[in-house]
Amino acid sequence: MEGKSRKIKILIGLIALIVLAFGPFKANDKKSNTNTNTAEVNLKKVIIGLPGISNQTLEATGIAVNKGYIAEELKKVGYEPEFIYFQQAGPAVNEALATNKIDIAMYGDFPITILKSNGGDVKVFAVDNSRFMYGVLVQNDDSIKTIKDLEGKKVLYRKGTVEQKFFKEILKKYNLDEDKFVSVNAGGADGQSIFSAKEAEAIFTFYYTALYMESKGLGKVIDSTLDKPEVGTQSLAVGRTKFLEENPDAAVAIIKALERAKDFAKENPEEVFNIYAQSGIPAEVYKKAYSADLTFSNFDPAITDDTKEKMQKLIDFLYDNQIVKNKISVDDIITTEYYDKYKSSK
């Protein structure tokens, strides 16, 4: 039993690493100058905040960092990147942007929108992943085949986070009443520990997490946003407004790097999954997680009407659920100015 308990603890530790980009907790940060050319003393530094640790960054940004595209494109216009990694992301990245400790960040739309709603002077200028996904993991119980089967049972998700948003929206999709579920405010490592101890019937969490736990025999995935992308969220590129206004070429260079990452992913999907597997989760899990579109069109950095529509839904959710007190507009938080500059420079 002690050996099994130890394995579960190790598993939970690995899983916890991948859920941080959209997490609600405060973080420690870790600086990395891996892609910084210190010999180029005339280059202006761009400080970029990313969730997690240096071998864990996912989405288009993970590829752009791993392949050196961000460093290359910034150098062309007189800049060099310094990457700072926030191991528990969310509010930690928000605080770093609000206090001018970083210039740009790529992370979840949920904390970005909270930052802007609370007065943060930032703008979203590109998309990192337009289809960030979630899943429902249940115990290996033959009586649970659909989300409706969970009525009256204990389900886990973190309130005030994207996990709560996923829970509410997927129930709405099936016309289910959330009051019929026994909701427990637990997620991340805590939620996974509770679920692994079989003290709850389901956990609403990130799709990578659900698939990984399933691959270890800890449960089964009964539903996800794989076929419901409208219920998912987005990972976005955001910058301090003043920095963007004073350094438009840097923003355009990052967009170019993200575009290159998208093109690389389309032509080399297996290598993409191997890059992501450096996080400690097998490449096959990521392959399944991204299987809805192996052309990686969701890595397109363009800000589209769909981008704005998802943002509007998120703004409404945050305000309606009293997570924020101020209701902003889509135009307050999103700008197409830098993507337009990129298009005109092609």
Protein backbone atom coordinates (compact mmCIF):
# COMPACT_ATOMS: atom_id res chain seq x y z
CA MET A 1 0.00 0.00 0.00
CA GLU A 2 2.87 2.37 0.80
CA GLY A 3 4.36 1.80 -2.67
CA LYS A 4 1.02 2.51 -4.33
CA SER A 5 0.60 5.68 -2.26
CA ARG A 6 4.07 6.84 -3.25
CA LYS A 7 3.30 6.29 -6.95
CA ILE A 8 0.09 8.30 -6.66
CA LYS A 9 1.95 11.16 -5.00
CA ILE A 10 4.54 11.19 -7.78
CA LEU A 11 1.80 11.10 -10.41
CA ILE A 12 -0.03 13.99 -8.79
CA GLY A 13 3.17 16.00 -8.70
CA LEU A 14 3.69 15.50 -12.43
CA ILE A 15 0.10 16.37 -13.24
CA ALA A 16 0.23 19.51 -11.15
CA LEU A 17 2.95 20.90 -13.40
CA ILE A 18 0.69 21.16 -16.45
CA VAL A 19 -2.31 22.87 -14.90
CA LEU A 20 -0.56 26.03 -13.86
CA ALA A 21 -1.07 28.27 -16.86
CA PHE A 22 -4.67 28.83 -15.88
CA GLY A 23 -4.34 28.32 -12.12
CA PRO A 24 -5.53 30.67 -9.37
CA PHE A 25 -2.60 30.49 -7.02
CA LYS A 26 0.26 32.87 -6.33
CA ALA A 27 3.63 31.78 -7.64
CA ASN A 28 7.36 31.82 -7.28
CA ASP A 29 9.19 32.92 -10.39
CA LYS A 30 12.26 31.54 -12.01
CA LYS A 31 14.39 33.47 -14.47
CA SER A 32 15.91 31.87 -17.51
CA ASN A 33 18.10 33.50 -20.11
CA THR A 34 18.34 30.40 -22.27
CA ASN A 35 17.51 32.29 -25.45
CA THR A 36 19.22 35.55 -24.51
CA ASN A 37 22.26 36.54 -26.52
CA THR A 38 24.23 38.42 -23.88
CA ALA A 39 26.97 39.26 -26.37
CA GLU A 40 24.62 41.55 -28.25
CA VAL A 41 24.96 44.49 -25.86
CA ASN A 42 23.08 46.85 -28.15
CA LEU A 43 19.91 44.78 -28.16
CA LYS A 44 16.98 46.06 -26.11
CA LYS A 45 15.61 43.53 -23.67
CA VAL A 46 12.02 42.26 -23.74
CA ILE A 47 11.03 40.52 -20.52
CA ILE A 48 8.53 37.74 -21.25
CA GLY A 49 6.54 35.96 -18.56
CA LEU A 50 5.47 32.34 -19.09
CA PRO A 51 3.63 29.86 -16.88
CA GLY A 52 5.38 26.83 -15.45
CA ILE A 53 9.04 25.97 -15.93
CA SER A 54 11.35 26.17 -18.92
CA ASN A 55 10.65 22.69 -20.30
CA GLN A 56 6.93 22.83 -19.65
CA THR A 57 5.58 25.66 -21.83
CA LEU A 58 2.91 24.41 -24.22
CA GLU A 59 0.83 25.82 -27.10
CA ALA A 60 2.39 27.84 -29.94
CA THR A 61 4.65 29.65 -27.48
CA GLY A 62 6.18 26.38 -26.28
CA ILE A 63 7.28 25.63 -29.84
CA ALA A 64 8.41 29.21 -30.50
CA VAL A 65 10.62 29.13 -27.40
CA ASN A 66 11.97 25.63 -27.98
CA LYS A 67 12.85 26.27 -31.63
CA GLY A 68 14.32 29.71 -30.91
CA TYR A 69 11.83 31.58 -33.09
CA ILE A 70 11.10 34.31 -30.52
CA ALA A 71 14.79 35.08 -30.02
CA GLU A 72 15.41 35.07 -33.78
CA GLU A 73 12.53 37.35 -34.70
CA LEU A 74 13.22 39.80 -31.87
CA LYS A 75 16.91 40.02 -32.78
CA LYS A 76 15.97 41.04 -36.33
CA VAL A 77 14.37 44.22 -34.99
CA GLY A 78 16.92 44.99 -32.26
CA TYR A 79 15.60 43.12 -29.23
CA GLU A 80 16.47 40.09 -27.13
CA PRO A 81 14.15 38.09 -24.86
CA GLU A 82 14.54 37.34 -21.19
CA PHE A 83 12.13 34.63 -20.09
CA ILE A 84 10.77 34.51 -16.55
CA TYR A 85 8.85 31.38 -15.60
CA PHE A 86 6.09 31.49 -12.99
CA GLN A 87 5.61 28.04 -11.56
CA GLN A 88 2.05 28.73 -10.44
CA ALA A 89 1.18 31.33 -13.09
CA GLY A 90 -2.22 33.07 -12.92
CA PRO A 91 -2.10 35.89 -10.34
CA ALA A 92 1.72 35.75 -10.24
CA VAL A 93 1.93 36.70 -13.93
CA ASN A 94 -0.78 39.31 -13.36
CA GLU A 95 1.21 40.85 -10.52
CA ALA A 96 4.38 40.90 -12.61
CA LEU A 97 2.59 42.73 -15.44
CA ALA A 98 0.88 45.15 -13.06
CA THR A 99 4.18 46.05 -11.38
CA ASN A 100 6.14 46.38 -14.65
CA LYS A 101 8.38 43.39 -13.86
CA ILE A 102 7.62 41.84 -17.23
CA ASP A 103 6.63 43.37 -20.55
CA ILE A 104 4.74 40.58 -22.28
CA ALA A 105 3.17 37.27 -21.26
CA MET A 106 1.47 34.31 -22.91
CA TYR A 107 -1.06 32.57 -20.69
CA GLY A 108 -4.75 31.95 -20.06
CA ASP A 109 -7.54 34.35 -20.96
CA PHE A 110 -9.15 33.93 -17.52
CA PRO A 111 -6.41 35.59 -15.41
CA ILE A 112 -5.72 38.10 -18.19
CA THR A 113 -9.33 39.26 -18.14
CA ILE A 114 -9.33 39.46 -14.34
CA LEU A 115 -6.21 41.64 -14.50
CA LYS A 116 -7.80 44.00 -17.02
CA SER A 117 -11.10 44.10 -15.12
CA ASN A 118 -9.22 45.10 -11.98
CA GLY A 119 -7.57 48.04 -13.72
CA GLY A 120 -4.45 46.48 -15.22
CA ASP A 121 -3.18 48.52 -18.17
CA VAL A 122 -2.65 45.66 -20.62
CA LYS A 123 -3.74 44.65 -24.10
CA VAL A 124 -4.12 41.28 -25.78
CA PHE A 125 -2.35 41.47 -29.16
CA ALA A 126 -2.25 37.87 -30.44
CA VAL A 127 -3.54 34.33 -29.89
CA ASP A 128 -1.36 31.54 -28.50
CA ASN A 129 -4.00 28.78 -28.64
CA SER A 130 -7.62 29.48 -29.53
CA ARG A 131 -8.80 26.07 -28.34
CA PHE A 132 -7.58 25.28 -24.84
CA MET A 133 -9.48 22.21 -23.68
CA TYR A 134 -10.95 20.55 -20.61
CA GLY A 135 -12.25 17.12 -19.66
CA VAL A 136 -14.38 15.27 -17.14
CA LEU A 137 -12.66 12.38 -15.40
CA VAL A 138 -14.77 9.94 -13.38
CA GLN A 139 -14.01 6.89 -11.31
CA ASN A 140 -13.80 3.54 -13.08
CA ASP A 141 -17.46 2.90 -12.41
CA ASP A 142 -19.64 1.30 -15.08
CA SER A 143 -22.70 3.16 -13.77
CA ILE A 144 -21.22 6.54 -14.74
CA LYS A 145 -21.27 7.05 -18.49
CA THR A 146 -22.52 10.62 -18.91
CA ILE A 147 -22.39 13.84 -16.93
CA LYS A 148 -26.06 13.42 -16.06
CA ASP A 149 -25.10 10.21 -14.24
CA LEU A 150 -23.15 12.43 -11.82
CA GLU A 151 -26.27 14.11 -10.45
CA GLY A 152 -26.34 13.76 -6.66
CA LYS A 153 -22.66 12.81 -6.60
CA LYS A 154 -19.56 14.67 -5.43
CA VAL A 155 -17.69 16.55 -8.20
CA LEU A 156 -14.48 18.54 -7.94
CA TYR A 157 -13.39 21.83 -9.51
CA ARG A 158 -11.79 25.04 -8.31
CA LYS A 159 -14.31 27.81 -7.86
CA GLY A 160 -13.39 31.17 -9.31
CA THR A 161 -11.28 29.56 -12.04
CA VAL A 162 -11.63 28.25 -15.58
CA GLU A 163 -12.55 24.88 -14.09
CA GLN A 164 -15.73 26.38 -12.65
CA LYS A 165 -16.44 28.03 -15.99
CA PHE A 166 -16.04 24.67 -17.73
CA PHE A 167 -18.32 22.97 -15.18
CA LYS A 168 -21.06 25.55 -15.58
CA GLU A 169 -20.90 25.75 -19.36
CA ILE A 170 -20.84 22.04 -20.09
CA LEU A 171 -23.82 21.54 -17.76
CA LYS A 172 -25.60 24.32 -19.62
CA LYS A 173 -24.77 22.55 -22.87
CA TYR A 174 -26.71 19.50 -21.66
CA ASN A 175 -29.47 21.49 -19.94
CA LEU A 176 -28.45 20.15 -16.53
CA ASP A 177 -29.07 21.87 -13.19
CA GLU A 178 -25.83 22.48 -11.27
CA ASP A 179 -27.76 22.43 -7.99
CA LYS A 180 -28.26 18.70 -8.49
CA PHE A 181 -24.49 18.13 -8.17
CA VAL A 182 -22.51 18.10 -4.93
CA SER A 183 -19.79 20.59 -5.84
CA VAL A 184 -16.53 20.64 -3.89
CA ASN A 185 -14.05 23.50 -4.23
CA ALA A 186 -10.88 21.53 -4.94
CA GLY A 187 -8.55 21.37 -7.92
CA GLY A 188 -4.91 21.09 -8.84
CA ALA A 189 -2.90 18.69 -6.67
CA ASP A 190 -5.51 18.80 -3.90
CA GLY A 191 -8.35 17.87 -6.23
CA GLN A 192 -6.33 15.11 -7.86
CA SER A 193 -5.42 13.70 -4.45
CA ILE A 194 -9.06 13.68 -3.35
CA PHE A 195 -10.12 12.03 -6.61
CA SER A 196 -7.31 9.44 -6.46
CA ALA A 197 -8.40 8.55 -2.94
CA LYS A 198 -11.89 7.93 -4.41
CA GLU A 199 -13.45 10.55 -2.18
CA ALA A 200 -15.27 12.11 -5.16
CA GLU A 201 -16.89 10.67 -8.26
CA ALA A 202 -15.58 13.18 -10.79
CA ILE A 203 -13.13 16.00 -11.41
CA PHE A 204 -13.63 18.76 -13.98
CA THR A 205 -10.14 19.69 -15.06
CA PHE A 206 -7.70 20.35 -17.88
CA TYR A 207 -7.90 17.83 -20.71
CA TYR A 208 -4.19 16.95 -20.49
CA THR A 209 -4.65 16.16 -16.81
CA ALA A 210 -7.73 14.03 -17.39
CA LEU A 211 -6.08 12.06 -20.18
CA TYR A 212 -2.91 11.52 -18.20
CA MET A 213 -4.79 10.25 -15.15
CA GLU A 214 -6.83 8.00 -17.43
CA SER A 215 -3.62 6.61 -18.97
CA LYS A 216 -2.51 5.65 -15.45
CA GLY A 217 -5.73 3.79 -14.77
CA LEU A 218 -6.97 6.31 -12.21
CA GLY A 219 -10.27 6.95 -13.95
CA LYS A 220 -11.96 7.37 -17.31
CA VAL A 221 -12.73 10.45 -19.40
CA ILE A 222 -16.46 10.60 -20.18
CA ASP A 223 -16.66 14.05 -21.78
CA SER A 224 -14.47 16.91 -22.97
CA THR A 225 -14.31 20.03 -25.09
CA LEU A 226 -12.62 18.05 -27.88
CA ASP A 227 -15.89 18.19 -29.82
CA LYS A 228 -17.13 21.34 -28.05
CA PRO A 229 -14.40 23.96 -28.65
CA GLU A 230 -16.87 26.74 -27.88
CA VAL A 231 -16.87 25.59 -24.24
CA GLY A 232 -13.06 25.82 -24.01
CA THR A 233 -10.92 28.87 -23.39
CA GLN A 234 -7.95 30.58 -25.01
CA SER A 235 -4.28 31.17 -24.31
CA LEU A 236 -3.31 34.67 -25.41
CA ALA A 237 -0.35 36.99 -25.89
CA VAL A 238 -0.71 40.12 -23.78
CA GLY A 239 1.53 43.10 -23.13
CA ARG A 240 1.67 46.19 -20.98
CA THR A 241 -0.04 48.90 -23.02
CA LYS A 242 2.80 51.40 -22.63
CA PHE A 243 5.41 48.84 -23.64
CA LEU A 244 3.45 47.86 -26.74
CA GLU A 245 2.94 51.47 -27.77
CA GLU A 246 6.64 52.23 -27.35
CA ASN A 247 7.86 48.96 -28.90
CA PRO A 248 5.46 47.93 -31.66
CA ASP A 249 8.24 46.11 -33.55
CA ALA A 250 8.73 43.77 -30.60
CA ALA A 251 5.03 42.83 -30.61
CA VAL A 252 5.11 42.21 -34.36
CA ALA A 253 8.25 40.06 -33.99
CA ILE A 254 6.53 37.88 -31.40
CA ILE A 255 3.54 37.46 -33.71
CA LYS A 256 5.92 36.37 -36.47
CA ALA A 257 7.46 33.84 -34.09
CA LEU A 258 4.04 32.45 -33.19
CA GLU A 259 3.15 32.21 -36.88
CA ARG A 260 6.35 30.24 -37.51
CA ALA A 261 5.46 27.96 -34.60
CA LYS A 262 2.04 27.29 -36.11
CA ASP A 263 3.60 26.42 -39.48
CA PHE A 264 6.17 24.16 -37.82
CA ALA A 265 3.46 22.35 -35.86
CA LYS A 266 1.43 21.70 -38.99
CA GLU A 267 4.41 20.10 -40.74
CA ASN A 268 5.91 18.32 -37.70
CA PRO A 269 3.15 17.21 -35.30
CA GLU A 270 5.12 14.30 -33.84
CA GLU A 271 8.03 16.57 -32.96
CA VAL A 272 5.59 18.98 -31.31
CA PHE A 273 4.33 16.22 -29.01
CA ASN A 274 7.90 15.23 -28.19
CA ILE A 275 8.67 18.84 -27.26
CA TYR A 276 5.65 18.94 -24.97
CA ALA A 277 6.62 15.58 -23.47
CA GLN A 278 9.60 17.29 -21.83
CA SER A 279 7.05 18.25 -19.16
CA GLY A 280 7.05 14.62 -18.00
CA ILE A 281 3.75 13.64 -19.61
CA PRO A 282 4.01 11.15 -22.52
CA ALA A 283 3.80 12.44 -26.08
CA GLU A 284 0.85 10.10 -26.75
CA VAL A 285 -1.24 11.97 -24.17
CA TYR A 286 -0.61 15.26 -25.94
CA LYS A 287 -1.30 13.67 -29.32
CA LYS A 288 -4.74 12.63 -28.09
CA ALA A 289 -5.34 16.02 -26.48
CA TYR A 290 -4.67 17.87 -29.74
CA SER A 291 -6.33 15.26 -31.98
CA ALA A 292 -9.26 17.52 -32.90
CA ASP A 293 -7.05 19.38 -35.38
CA LEU A 294 -3.58 18.08 -36.17
CA THR A 295 -3.10 20.96 -38.62
CA PHE A 296 -2.88 23.19 -35.51
CA SER A 297 -5.08 25.91 -36.95
CA ASN A 298 -5.81 26.80 -33.31
CA PHE A 299 -2.22 28.10 -33.06
CA ASP A 300 -2.99 30.89 -35.54
CA PRO A 301 -1.99 34.17 -33.81
CA ALA A 302 -4.68 36.13 -35.66
CA ILE A 303 -7.31 37.87 -33.56
CA THR A 304 -10.61 36.89 -35.17
CA ASP A 305 -14.30 37.41 -34.54
CA ASP A 306 -14.24 34.05 -32.73
CA THR A 307 -11.47 35.35 -30.47
CA LYS A 308 -13.60 38.34 -29.57
CA GLU A 309 -16.76 36.28 -29.12
CA LYS A 310 -15.03 33.96 -26.65
CA MET A 311 -13.64 36.96 -24.83
CA GLN A 312 -17.10 38.50 -24.55
CA LYS A 313 -18.47 35.28 -23.05
CA LEU A 314 -15.63 35.22 -20.54
CA ILE A 315 -16.21 38.87 -19.59
CA ASP A 316 -19.89 38.11 -19.04
CA PHE A 317 -19.09 35.00 -16.98
CA LEU A 318 -16.65 36.81 -14.69
CA TYR A 319 -19.08 39.64 -14.05
CA ASP A 320 -22.23 37.53 -13.73
CA ASN A 321 -20.53 35.21 -11.22
CA GLN A 322 -19.17 38.17 -9.24
CA ILE A 323 -15.56 37.15 -9.78
CA VAL A 324 -14.88 40.74 -10.89
CA LYS A 325 -16.73 43.93 -9.95
CA ASN A 326 -16.08 45.88 -13.14
CA LYS A 327 -17.38 44.83 -16.54
CA ILE A 328 -15.00 45.76 -19.33
CA SER A 329 -15.62 45.65 -23.08
CA VAL A 330 -13.84 43.49 -25.63
CA ASP A 331 -12.29 46.62 -27.15
CA ASP A 332 -10.86 47.51 -23.75
CA ILE A 333 -8.77 44.36 -23.65
CA ILE A 334 -8.10 43.33 -27.27
CA THR A 335 -6.22 45.23 -29.96
CA THR A 336 -5.65 44.15 -33.57
CA GLU A 337 -3.17 46.98 -34.17
CA TYR A 338 -0.04 44.81 -33.96
CA TYR A 339 -1.43 41.91 -35.94
CA ASP A 340 -2.44 44.40 -38.64
CA LYS A 341 1.16 45.70 -38.66
CA TYR A 342 2.38 42.14 -39.02
CA LYS A 343 0.06 41.50 -41.97
CA SER A 344 1.14 44.66 -43.71
CA SER A 345 4.82 43.77 -43.23
CA LYS A 346 4.51 40.39 -45.00
